[in-house]
Protein backbone atom coordinates (compact mmCIF):
# COMPACT_ATOMS: atom_id res chain seq x y z
CA UNK A 1 7.23 -4.90 12.77
CA UNK A 2 9.75 -3.69 10.30
CA UNK A 3 9.87 -0.22 9.36
CA UNK A 4 10.71 0.61 5.87
CA UNK A 5 11.66 3.88 3.84
CA UNK A 6 9.60 5.20 1.64
CA UNK A 7 10.15 8.44 -0.60
CA UNK A 8 7.41 11.09 -0.90
CA UNK A 9 7.50 10.26 -4.66
CA UNK A 10 6.86 6.61 -4.09
CA UNK A 11 3.91 7.74 -1.69
CA UNK A 12 2.87 10.35 -4.53
CA UNK A 13 2.74 7.79 -7.16
CA UNK A 14 0.58 4.77 -4.37
CA UNK A 15 -1.91 7.81 -3.86
CA UNK A 16 -1.83 8.15 -7.34
CA UNK A 17 -2.75 4.54 -8.20
CA UNK A 18 -5.32 4.61 -5.48
CA UNK A 19 -7.36 7.14 -7.03
CA UNK A 20 -7.11 5.61 -10.25
CA UNK A 21 -8.65 2.11 -9.13
CA UNK A 22 -11.29 4.11 -7.55
CA UNK A 23 -9.96 4.31 -4.08
CA UNK A 24 -9.98 7.97 -1.75
CA UNK A 25 -6.63 8.31 -0.23
CA UNK A 26 -7.10 11.60 0.62
CA UNK A 27 -8.35 10.98 4.37
CA UNK A 28 -5.06 8.53 5.08
CA UNK A 29 -1.56 9.72 6.27
CA UNK A 30 1.36 8.85 4.73
CA UNK A 31 1.95 6.07 7.38
CA UNK A 32 -1.59 4.54 6.71
CA UNK A 33 -1.27 4.39 2.80
CA UNK A 34 2.17 2.67 2.82
CA UNK A 35 0.70 0.55 4.90
CA UNK A 36 -2.09 -0.14 2.90
CA UNK A 37 0.09 -0.57 -0.13
CA UNK A 38 1.94 -2.83 1.92
CA UNK A 39 -0.96 -5.21 3.38
CA UNK A 40 -1.93 -5.23 -0.81
CA UNK A 41 1.79 -6.50 -1.91
CA UNK A 42 1.38 -9.23 0.93
CA UNK A 43 -1.82 -10.60 -0.76
CA UNK A 44 -0.43 -10.18 -3.85
CA UNK A 45 2.27 -12.09 -3.19
CA UNK A 46 0.65 -14.61 -0.88
CA UNK A 47 -1.71 -15.52 -3.69
CA UNK A 48 -1.92 -18.99 -4.02
CA UNK A 49 -0.15 -20.64 -1.23
CA UNK A 50 -2.12 -22.60 1.89
CA UNK A 51 -2.52 -21.43 5.27
CA UNK A 52 -1.77 -24.14 7.63
């Protein structure tokens, strides 16, 4: 697993985006918020690629 540095401002932005999309980020820790964002980005950028 790679470590990433994320500012508090970016975490607040992710939380706001989650709330705007109907998700509840309140029970999640900052680490879980970052993990959710990275997972969403991974799905977004891998869209259209075929799995082997």
